[in-house]
Protein backbone atom coordinates (compact mmCIF):
# COMPACT_ATOMS: atom_id res chain seq x y z
CA MET A 1 129.14 67.68 -91.82
CA LYS A 2 131.74 66.93 -94.49
CA LYS A 3 134.45 66.68 -91.83
CA LEU A 4 132.27 64.36 -89.74
CA LEU A 5 131.71 62.03 -92.68
CA GLN A 6 135.42 62.01 -93.38
CA LYS A 7 136.11 61.15 -89.78
CA LEU A 8 133.64 58.26 -89.88
CA ASN A 9 134.98 57.01 -93.22
CA LYS A 10 138.56 57.21 -92.05
CA PRO A 11 138.80 57.49 -88.25
CA SER A 12 142.42 56.43 -88.37
CA ALA A 13 145.18 57.52 -90.61
CA LYS A 14 146.29 53.93 -90.85
CA TYR A 15 143.02 51.87 -90.96
CA SER A 16 139.70 52.37 -92.71
CA ILE A 17 136.41 52.15 -90.80
CA LEU A 18 135.65 48.83 -92.49
CA ALA A 19 138.89 47.38 -91.21
CA LEU A 20 138.17 48.58 -87.69
CA VAL A 21 134.61 47.14 -87.80
CA LEU A 22 135.99 43.80 -88.97
CA ILE A 23 138.60 43.82 -86.21
CA GLY A 24 135.91 44.65 -83.64
CA ALA A 25 133.67 41.89 -84.97
CA VAL A 26 136.49 39.35 -84.78
CA ILE A 27 137.29 40.39 -81.18
CA THR A 28 133.61 40.19 -80.21
CA VAL A 29 133.16 36.75 -81.75
CA ALA A 30 136.37 35.54 -80.15
CA GLY A 31 135.22 36.90 -76.79
CA VAL A 32 131.86 35.17 -77.07
CA VAL A 33 133.48 31.87 -78.03
CA VAL A 34 136.04 32.08 -75.22
CA MET A 35 133.35 33.01 -72.70
CA ASN A 36 131.08 30.20 -73.83
CA LYS A 37 133.90 27.65 -73.71
CA SER A 38 134.98 28.95 -70.30
CA LEU A 39 131.45 28.70 -68.90
CA HIS A 40 131.15 25.19 -70.30
CA TYR A 41 134.47 24.13 -68.78
CA PHE A 42 133.79 25.69 -65.39
CA SER A 43 130.32 24.07 -65.32
CA GLN A 44 131.50 20.51 -65.72
CA THR A 45 131.25 18.14 -62.78
CA GLU A 46 134.90 17.25 -63.24
CA PHE A 47 135.84 20.88 -62.59
CA CYS A 48 133.45 21.18 -59.63
CA VAL A 49 135.04 18.24 -57.83
CA SER A 50 138.63 19.10 -58.74
CA CYS A 51 138.95 20.84 -55.36
CA HIS A 52 139.60 18.35 -52.57
CA THR A 53 136.99 20.10 -50.40
CA MET A 54 134.32 18.81 -52.81
CA LYS A 55 135.41 15.17 -52.70
CA GLN A 56 133.04 14.28 -49.87
CA ASN A 57 130.14 15.92 -51.67
CA TYR A 58 131.00 14.00 -54.81
CA GLU A 59 131.11 10.61 -53.07
CA GLU A 60 127.70 11.26 -51.50
CA TYR A 61 126.27 12.36 -54.84
CA LYS A 62 127.53 9.14 -56.48
CA GLN A 63 125.36 7.15 -54.06
CA SER A 64 122.21 9.13 -54.91
CA ILE A 65 119.43 8.56 -57.42
CA HIS A 66 120.50 11.68 -59.28
CA TYR A 67 123.77 9.93 -60.20
CA SER A 68 122.53 6.41 -60.96
CA ASN A 69 118.96 5.31 -61.64
CA ALA A 70 116.83 2.94 -63.73
CA LYS A 71 116.21 5.54 -66.44
CA GLY A 72 119.89 6.29 -66.98
CA ILE A 73 119.38 10.04 -66.50
CA ARG A 74 122.14 11.80 -64.60
CA ALA A 75 121.87 15.23 -63.03
CA GLU A 76 125.28 16.88 -62.93
CA CYS A 77 126.38 19.43 -60.33
CA VAL A 78 125.26 22.44 -62.38
CA ASP A 79 121.82 20.99 -63.00
CA CYS A 80 121.00 21.51 -59.33
CA HIS A 81 123.34 24.31 -58.34
CA GLN A 82 123.36 26.61 -61.38
CA PRO A 83 120.36 28.14 -63.21
CA LYS A 84 120.20 27.60 -66.97
CA ASP A 85 119.39 31.20 -67.93
CA PHE A 86 122.38 33.41 -68.78
CA VAL A 87 121.82 35.99 -66.05
CA GLY A 88 121.29 33.33 -63.38
CA LYS A 89 124.33 31.42 -64.56
CA ILE A 90 126.61 34.48 -64.44
CA TRP A 91 125.22 35.54 -61.06
CA ARG A 92 125.93 32.09 -59.63
CA LYS A 93 129.47 32.13 -61.03
CA MET A 94 130.09 35.51 -59.43
CA GLY A 95 128.78 34.19 -56.11
CA ALA A 96 131.25 31.33 -56.22
CA TYR A 97 134.05 33.70 -55.19
CA LYS A 98 133.24 32.79 -51.58
CA ASP A 99 133.93 29.13 -52.31
CA VAL A 100 137.29 30.03 -53.82
CA TYR A 101 138.10 32.30 -50.88
CA HIS A 102 137.34 29.65 -48.27
CA HIS A 103 139.16 26.97 -50.25
CA PHE A 104 142.43 28.86 -50.69
CA VAL A 105 142.43 31.29 -47.73
CA THR A 106 140.44 30.13 -44.71
CA GLY A 107 140.42 26.35 -45.26
CA LYS A 108 136.93 26.39 -43.75
CA ILE A 109 136.01 22.87 -44.90
CA ASP A 110 139.35 21.41 -45.89
CA THR A 111 138.97 18.34 -43.63
CA PRO A 112 136.05 15.91 -43.21
CA GLU A 113 135.70 17.05 -39.61
CA LYS A 114 135.43 20.73 -40.60
CA PHE A 115 132.98 19.84 -43.35
CA GLU A 116 130.68 18.07 -40.88
CA GLU A 117 130.91 21.02 -38.52
CA HIS A 118 129.61 23.35 -41.25
CA ARG A 119 127.36 20.91 -43.14
CA LEU A 120 124.09 22.37 -41.83
CA GLU A 121 125.22 25.93 -42.53
CA LEU A 122 126.26 25.04 -46.09
CA ALA A 123 123.08 23.08 -46.79
CA GLN A 124 120.89 25.90 -45.48
CA LYS A 125 122.59 28.38 -47.81
CA VAL A 126 121.86 26.14 -50.80
CA TRP A 127 118.23 25.66 -49.74
CA ASP A 128 117.80 29.39 -49.23
CA ARG A 129 119.32 30.13 -52.64
CA MET A 130 117.01 27.59 -54.29
CA ALA A 131 114.04 29.27 -52.62
CA ASP A 132 115.21 32.73 -53.77
CA GLU A 133 115.41 31.39 -57.33
CA ASN A 134 111.92 29.85 -57.02
CA TYR A 135 113.46 26.37 -57.36
CA LYS A 136 114.06 26.84 -61.08
CA THR A 137 116.96 24.39 -61.12
CA CYS A 138 114.53 21.69 -59.91
CA THR A 139 111.73 22.61 -62.30
CA THR A 140 114.06 22.56 -65.30
CA CYS A 141 113.81 18.77 -65.12
CA HIS A 142 110.71 18.15 -63.00
CA SER A 143 107.20 19.52 -63.46
CA TYR A 144 103.87 18.51 -62.04
CA GLU A 145 102.25 18.85 -65.46
CA ALA A 146 104.50 16.14 -66.89
CA MET A 147 103.86 13.64 -64.10
CA ASP A 148 101.69 10.59 -64.69
CA HIS A 149 100.58 9.71 -61.18
CA ASP A 150 99.19 6.35 -62.33
CA LYS A 151 102.76 5.25 -63.05
CA GLN A 152 103.97 6.20 -59.57
CA SER A 153 104.03 3.91 -56.56
CA VAL A 154 101.04 4.06 -54.25
CA GLN A 155 103.00 5.97 -51.61
CA ALA A 156 104.45 8.39 -54.17
CA MET A 157 101.01 9.00 -55.65
CA LYS A 158 99.61 9.64 -52.18
CA GLU A 159 102.23 12.35 -51.57
CA MET A 160 102.54 13.83 -55.06
CA ILE A 161 98.88 14.49 -55.85
CA PRO A 162 98.34 16.90 -52.92
CA ALA A 163 101.82 18.34 -53.50
CA ALA A 164 100.89 19.11 -57.12
CA LYS A 165 97.60 20.63 -56.03
CA GLU A 166 99.43 23.01 -53.67
CA ASN A 167 102.33 23.51 -56.13
CA MET A 168 104.81 22.63 -53.41
CA ALA A 169 108.52 23.08 -54.01
CA CYS A 170 110.56 19.88 -54.49
CA ILE A 171 112.93 20.79 -51.68
CA GLU A 172 110.07 20.84 -49.14
CA CYS A 173 110.04 17.03 -49.20
CA HIS A 174 113.32 16.05 -50.81
CA LYS A 175 116.09 17.52 -48.68
CA GLY A 176 119.07 15.18 -48.65
CA ILE A 177 118.24 13.59 -52.01
CA ALA A 178 121.68 14.23 -53.51
CA HIS A 179 123.86 14.68 -50.42
CA GLU A 180 123.76 13.39 -46.88
CA LEU A 181 121.25 15.27 -44.77
CA PRO A 182 122.95 17.40 -42.11
CA ASN A 183 122.27 17.08 -38.43
CA MET A 184 119.27 19.38 -38.32
CA ALA A 185 119.44 19.67 -34.55
CA GLY A 186 122.61 21.71 -34.72
CA GLY A 187 120.84 24.94 -35.60
CA PHE A 188 118.02 25.00 -33.07
CA ARG A 189 120.24 23.68 -30.28
CA LYS A 190 122.65 26.56 -30.82
CA THR A 191 119.65 28.88 -30.70
CA PHE A 192 118.65 27.35 -27.37
CA GLU A 193 122.18 27.80 -26.00
CA THR A 194 122.01 31.49 -26.90
CA LEU A 195 118.54 31.76 -25.38
CA THR A 196 119.68 30.04 -22.17
CA ALA A 197 122.64 32.41 -21.76
CA SER A 198 120.31 35.40 -21.46
CA ALA A 199 117.37 33.69 -19.73
CA ILE A 200 117.75 35.22 -16.27
CA ALA A 201 114.75 36.93 -14.70
CA PRO A 202 115.39 40.70 -14.62
CA ALA A 203 114.67 42.68 -11.48
CA GLY A 204 111.15 44.01 -11.34
CA ALA A 205 109.70 41.65 -13.93
CA LYS A 206 106.00 40.95 -13.40
CA LYS A 207 105.40 38.27 -16.04
CA LEU A 208 107.85 35.55 -17.06
CA PHE A 209 107.94 32.46 -19.27
CA SER A 210 109.92 29.27 -18.69
CA ILE A 211 112.21 27.93 -21.41
CA GLU A 212 112.45 24.47 -19.87
CA GLU A 213 111.12 22.48 -16.89
CA LYS A 214 111.47 24.23 -13.54
CA SER A 215 110.93 22.81 -10.07
CA LEU A 216 108.23 24.33 -7.90
CA PHE A 217 108.93 24.76 -4.19
CA ALA A 218 106.63 25.64 -1.29
CA THR A 219 109.36 27.71 0.40
CA ALA A 220 112.19 29.98 -0.78
CA ASP A 221 114.71 27.12 -0.61
CA ALA A 222 116.06 25.70 -3.86
CA ASN A 223 117.41 22.72 -1.90
CA GLY A 224 114.05 22.01 -0.32
CA LYS A 225 111.37 19.52 -1.26
CA VAL A 226 110.13 19.74 -4.84
CA GLU A 227 106.33 20.15 -4.79
CA GLY A 228 105.61 20.30 -8.53
CA GLN A 229 106.99 21.16 -11.92
CA LEU A 230 106.52 24.08 -14.29
CA LEU A 231 106.64 22.88 -17.91
CA PRO A 232 108.41 24.67 -20.81
CA ALA A 233 106.80 27.75 -22.38
CA SER A 234 104.59 28.37 -19.36
CA GLU A 235 103.67 31.77 -17.98
CA VAL A 236 103.97 32.80 -14.33
CA GLU A 237 103.13 36.02 -12.50
CA VAL A 238 105.83 37.30 -10.15
CA ILE A 239 104.33 38.29 -6.78
CA GLY A 240 107.47 38.50 -4.65
CA GLU A 241 111.19 37.91 -4.33
CA GLU A 242 113.18 36.32 -1.53
CA GLY A 243 116.94 36.19 -2.03
CA GLU A 244 117.70 34.13 -5.12
CA MET A 245 114.13 32.84 -5.39
CA LEU A 246 111.00 34.27 -6.96
CA LYS A 247 107.55 33.83 -5.50
CA VAL A 248 105.17 33.26 -8.39
CA ARG A 249 101.50 32.70 -9.09
CA VAL A 250 100.72 29.93 -11.57
CA GLN A 251 97.24 29.98 -13.10
CA GLY A 252 95.55 27.28 -15.16
CA TRP A 253 92.77 24.72 -15.45
CA ILE A 254 92.27 21.35 -13.72
CA GLU A 255 89.50 18.78 -13.98
CA THR A 256 87.06 19.15 -11.11
CA ASN A 257 86.64 15.42 -10.54
CA GLY A 258 90.27 14.48 -11.16
CA LYS A 259 93.19 14.33 -8.75
CA GLY A 260 93.89 17.99 -9.46
CA ARG A 261 97.61 17.62 -9.96
CA VAL A 262 97.87 18.49 -13.65
CA MET A 263 97.26 22.08 -14.69
CA THR A 264 96.51 22.95 -18.33
CA GLU A 265 96.65 26.20 -20.29
CA TYR A 266 93.07 25.92 -21.55
CA MET A 267 89.88 24.31 -20.38
CA GLY A 268 89.34 20.95 -22.10
CA LYS A 269 92.66 20.97 -23.94
CA ARG A 270 95.66 18.89 -22.92
CA VAL A 271 98.14 21.73 -23.18
CA PHE A 272 100.02 21.00 -19.98
CA LYS A 273 101.33 23.90 -17.92
CA ALA A 274 102.37 22.50 -14.55
CA THR A 275 102.02 19.68 -12.08
CA VAL A 276 101.39 20.56 -8.44
CA ARG A 277 101.24 18.59 -5.20
CA GLY A 278 101.84 18.85 -1.46
CA ASP A 279 102.18 22.27 0.07
CA VAL A 280 102.07 24.02 -3.32
CA LYS A 281 98.75 22.29 -4.08
CA ALA A 282 97.52 23.45 -0.67
CA THR A 283 97.77 27.11 -1.78
CA GLU A 284 95.24 26.53 -4.55
CA THR A 285 92.42 29.04 -4.97
CA VAL A 286 89.50 28.66 -7.35
CA ILE A 287 88.92 31.50 -9.83
CA SER A 288 85.99 30.08 -11.79
CA GLU A 289 84.22 26.84 -12.68
CA GLU A 290 82.89 25.76 -16.09
CA VAL A 291 81.68 22.70 -17.96
CA ASP A 292 83.31 21.91 -21.29
CA PRO A 293 80.38 21.73 -23.76
CA ALA A 294 82.31 19.41 -26.07
CA THR A 295 82.83 16.68 -23.44
CA ASN A 296 80.46 17.68 -20.60
CA ILE A 297 83.43 17.49 -18.21
CA ALA A 298 83.56 19.98 -15.33
CA TRP A 299 86.67 22.15 -15.02
CA LYS A 300 87.84 24.80 -12.62
CA GLN A 301 90.29 27.62 -13.20
CA VAL A 302 92.73 27.79 -10.31
CA ALA A 303 95.87 29.54 -9.15
CA VAL A 304 98.67 28.31 -6.88
CA ASN A 305 101.62 30.08 -5.26
CA ALA A 306 105.11 28.62 -5.44
CA TYR A 307 108.79 29.52 -5.45
CA ILE A 308 111.15 29.08 -8.42
CA THR A 309 114.77 29.92 -9.20
CA LYS A 310 115.55 32.90 -11.42
CA ASP A 311 117.25 31.00 -14.24
CA HIS A 312 115.72 29.81 -17.53
CA LEU A 313 113.08 32.55 -17.52
CA VAL A 314 112.37 35.17 -20.19
CA GLN A 315 110.01 38.16 -20.26
CA SER A 316 108.49 37.38 -23.65
CA ILE A 317 107.23 34.12 -25.13
CA ASP A 318 108.35 35.17 -28.63
CA PRO A 319 111.98 33.92 -28.44
CA VAL A 320 110.69 30.58 -27.10
CA TRP A 321 108.30 30.26 -30.05
CA ASP A 322 111.09 31.29 -32.47
CA TYR A 323 113.29 28.53 -31.08
CA ALA A 324 110.45 25.98 -31.21
CA SER A 325 109.55 27.03 -34.75
CA GLU A 326 113.15 26.44 -35.83
CA MET A 327 113.03 23.03 -34.13
CA PHE A 328 109.82 22.19 -35.99
CA ALA A 329 111.30 23.18 -39.33
CA SER A 330 114.48 21.22 -38.65
CA THR A 331 112.92 17.98 -37.39
CA CYS A 332 109.50 17.65 -38.97
CA ASN A 333 110.51 19.09 -42.35
CA SER A 334 113.65 16.99 -42.74
CA CYS A 335 111.86 14.01 -44.34
CA HIS A 336 108.73 15.58 -45.78
CA ALA A 337 106.77 18.80 -45.81
CA ALA A 338 105.27 19.13 -42.36
CA PRO A 339 101.73 20.45 -41.93
CA ALA A 340 101.27 23.99 -40.69
CA PRO A 341 100.84 24.27 -36.90
CA GLY A 342 97.24 25.34 -37.45
CA HIS A 343 96.46 22.12 -39.32
CA PHE A 344 95.56 20.21 -36.14
CA THR A 345 93.78 21.02 -32.91
CA ALA A 346 95.71 21.30 -29.65
CA ASN A 347 94.69 17.78 -28.62
CA GLY A 348 95.17 16.48 -32.16
CA TRP A 349 98.83 17.48 -32.14
CA ILE A 350 99.55 15.04 -29.29
CA SER A 351 98.95 11.92 -31.40
CA SER A 352 100.30 13.53 -34.57
CA LEU A 353 103.63 14.38 -32.98
CA LYS A 354 103.83 10.99 -31.30
CA ALA A 355 103.40 9.32 -34.72
CA MET A 356 106.45 11.23 -35.96
CA SER A 357 108.60 10.54 -32.89
CA ALA A 358 110.29 7.55 -34.53
CA TYR A 359 111.78 9.85 -37.16
CA TYR A 360 113.39 12.49 -34.96
CA ARG A 361 115.70 12.47 -31.95
CA LEU A 362 114.64 15.03 -29.39
CA SER A 363 115.15 15.17 -25.65
CA LYS A 364 112.05 15.05 -23.46
CA THR A 365 112.31 18.79 -22.81
CA GLU A 366 112.70 19.56 -26.52
CA GLU A 367 109.70 17.40 -27.35
CA ARG A 368 107.58 19.08 -24.69
CA THR A 369 108.57 22.53 -25.97
CA LEU A 370 107.80 21.56 -29.55
CA LEU A 371 104.42 20.12 -28.59
CA LYS A 372 103.58 23.23 -26.58
CA TYR A 373 104.44 25.42 -29.58
CA LEU A 374 102.27 23.38 -31.94
CA GLN A 375 99.36 23.24 -29.50
CA ASN A 376 99.45 26.98 -28.83
CA HIS A 377 99.41 27.59 -32.60
CA GLY A 378 96.73 24.97 -33.26
CA SER A 379 93.45 25.43 -35.09
CA ASP A 380 91.44 25.75 -31.85
CA THR A 381 93.80 27.94 -29.83
CA GLY A 382 93.76 30.96 -32.08
CA GLY A 383 96.79 29.89 -34.09
CA VAL A 384 98.86 32.73 -32.69
CA GLY A 385 100.51 31.18 -29.65
CA ALA A 386 98.66 33.43 -27.21
CA HIS A 387 98.08 32.16 -23.70
């Protein structure tokens, strides 16, 4: 014990323990000061935009309300991109190695053209990170509890009161508030390209789903007369194969007193499946007849036989719904938080989507696929996309 005390009192032949403790304290304090100053320097907007790859971001930010506003409050880069807590701050700094790597090694976004090519990818990573952090960079400045809705504009009040009630995240409605919103179509259109590349009917398949419109023929001749159209996300039963054509059975509902050309997925719901005419219409057989109690309109469940080509067909509806779900998130969530698919009925989604059509740019096929997805996940279709 005596030797241990001596060792503690004089661990070095040259320095006393007090001197060593003082030296350690000085080094620790110096380290803390240097680290704090370094974090402060590396968190300044001036440092963030010192790389030329950030110049475009900076110019967009300077045009936003976070840079210049009536209240004179400016949110700097770190206010949105770096948590305030020590652990979150250090973790974000460590994650920035990828930015350094791409800046100095790959040159991934070193031109405006390259930046635009990757804008959606970069934005999505930021949105995902914000979600993982529970949007704490947003809530550092903004909180529902501090909002006085009476001082907001009528439109803002209309949106913010239900948002506060549901405790919605800021980013659900405010994407693109500090930087230009990316072309949201890029993601789901790449998904569709991938889906298309593998959408060839496999041999022996008994049930298939279309990923876009397909022509219906009365004979096994793809150059023959078109006698109808199968709409996207529609199921067919394979009953034969002739060369490069499939003979299929298409089943659905038509109004008894109508012209009988439009086939729907469900009785009484305008979830369109196919249009039929001519010789394809002539193959029609009636499975059952019912009256819709909601409208007192008579319907009959029918089936027709037709021929289709083998392309743009998949064995499961799931990848089609995944693609449509991505489209929904990209288009309808780009300006505001879109309602859940189960918020409206199948028929209700027709007018709801039409009201939003001025705010997105979709092809007719994309719009039909999106509508079909929403209708098959509506409040009166089970909400699960089942046919």
